[in-house]
Amino acid sequence: MREQVEQVLAEIRGYLQADGGDVELVDIEGGVVKLHLTGACHGCPHALVTLHTGIEQRLKEVVPGVERVEAV
């Protein structure tokens, strides 16, 4: 699962970096993917929307077993 999550994050990372941000995989516990948003994404008022509507939705589509994403 970790490798699949990393592949999806690599796919998304370009969009985040274009806006001055990035995302790091911290851990995976069961079906919970724990991510850390950095750069411009850290503290951005739209960070939770990006996390849940963008990243979480894509992970659920591609990686079996992903239940949710949490920011840490």
Protein backbone atom coordinates (compact mmCIF):
# COMPACT_ATOMS: atom_id res chain seq x y z
CA MET A 1 0.00 0.00 0.00
CA ARG A 2 2.82 2.42 0.87
CA GLU A 3 4.31 2.24 -2.62
CA GLN A 4 0.93 2.91 -4.23
CA VAL A 5 0.33 5.90 -1.93
CA GLU A 6 3.78 7.29 -2.78
CA GLN A 7 3.01 6.95 -6.50
CA VAL A 8 -0.24 8.89 -6.16
CA LEU A 9 1.49 11.58 -4.10
CA ALA A 10 4.19 11.90 -6.76
CA GLU A 11 1.42 12.43 -9.32
CA ILE A 12 -0.22 15.15 -7.19
CA ARG A 13 3.01 16.75 -5.96
CA GLY A 14 3.56 18.73 -9.17
CA TYR A 15 0.29 20.60 -8.70
CA LEU A 16 1.14 21.45 -5.10
CA GLN A 17 4.68 22.53 -5.96
CA ALA A 18 3.36 24.82 -8.69
CA ASP A 19 1.65 26.77 -5.89
CA GLY A 20 4.69 26.71 -3.60
CA GLY A 21 3.61 23.76 -1.46
CA ASP A 22 4.31 20.07 -1.07
CA VAL A 23 3.11 16.96 0.75
CA GLU A 24 5.00 14.35 2.76
CA LEU A 25 3.82 10.87 3.70
CA VAL A 26 4.26 10.50 7.46
CA ASP A 27 2.66 7.11 8.13
CA ILE A 28 -0.06 4.68 7.17
CA GLU A 29 -2.03 3.08 10.01
CA GLY A 30 -4.60 0.60 8.78
CA GLY A 31 -6.58 2.53 6.19
CA VAL A 32 -5.56 5.95 7.49
CA VAL A 33 -2.93 7.82 5.49
CA LYS A 34 -1.17 10.50 7.54
CA LEU A 35 0.23 13.39 5.55
CA HIS A 36 2.12 16.59 6.33
CA LEU A 37 1.52 19.58 4.07
CA THR A 38 4.55 21.85 3.73
CA GLY A 39 5.52 25.14 2.11
CA ALA A 40 2.63 27.34 1.02
CA CYS A 41 0.19 24.49 1.76
CA HIS A 42 1.05 24.53 5.46
CA GLY A 43 -1.38 26.92 7.08
CA CYS A 44 -3.20 27.73 3.85
CA PRO A 45 -6.93 28.29 4.39
CA HIS A 46 -7.64 25.84 1.55
CA ALA A 47 -5.34 23.10 2.88
CA LEU A 48 -8.16 20.93 4.24
CA VAL A 49 -10.03 21.17 0.95
CA THR A 50 -6.87 20.16 -0.91
CA LEU A 51 -6.30 17.32 1.53
CA HIS A 52 -9.78 15.84 1.45
CA THR A 53 -11.24 16.82 -1.91
CA GLY A 54 -8.05 16.39 -3.89
CA ILE A 55 -5.59 14.03 -2.25
CA GLU A 56 -7.96 11.80 -0.26
CA GLN A 57 -10.36 11.35 -3.16
CA ARG A 58 -7.54 10.38 -5.54
CA LEU A 59 -6.00 7.96 -3.03
CA LYS A 60 -9.36 6.25 -2.50
CA GLU A 61 -9.82 5.89 -6.27
CA VAL A 62 -6.40 4.32 -6.85
CA VAL A 63 -5.29 2.59 -3.65
CA PRO A 64 -7.48 -0.20 -2.25
CA GLY A 65 -7.87 -0.01 1.52
CA VAL A 66 -7.48 3.76 1.97
CA GLU A 67 -10.30 4.89 4.27
CA ARG A 68 -9.29 8.48 4.98
CA VAL A 69 -6.46 10.99 5.04
CA GLU A 70 -5.37 12.95 8.11
CA ALA A 71 -3.11 15.97 8.34
CA VAL A 72 -0.36 15.70 10.95
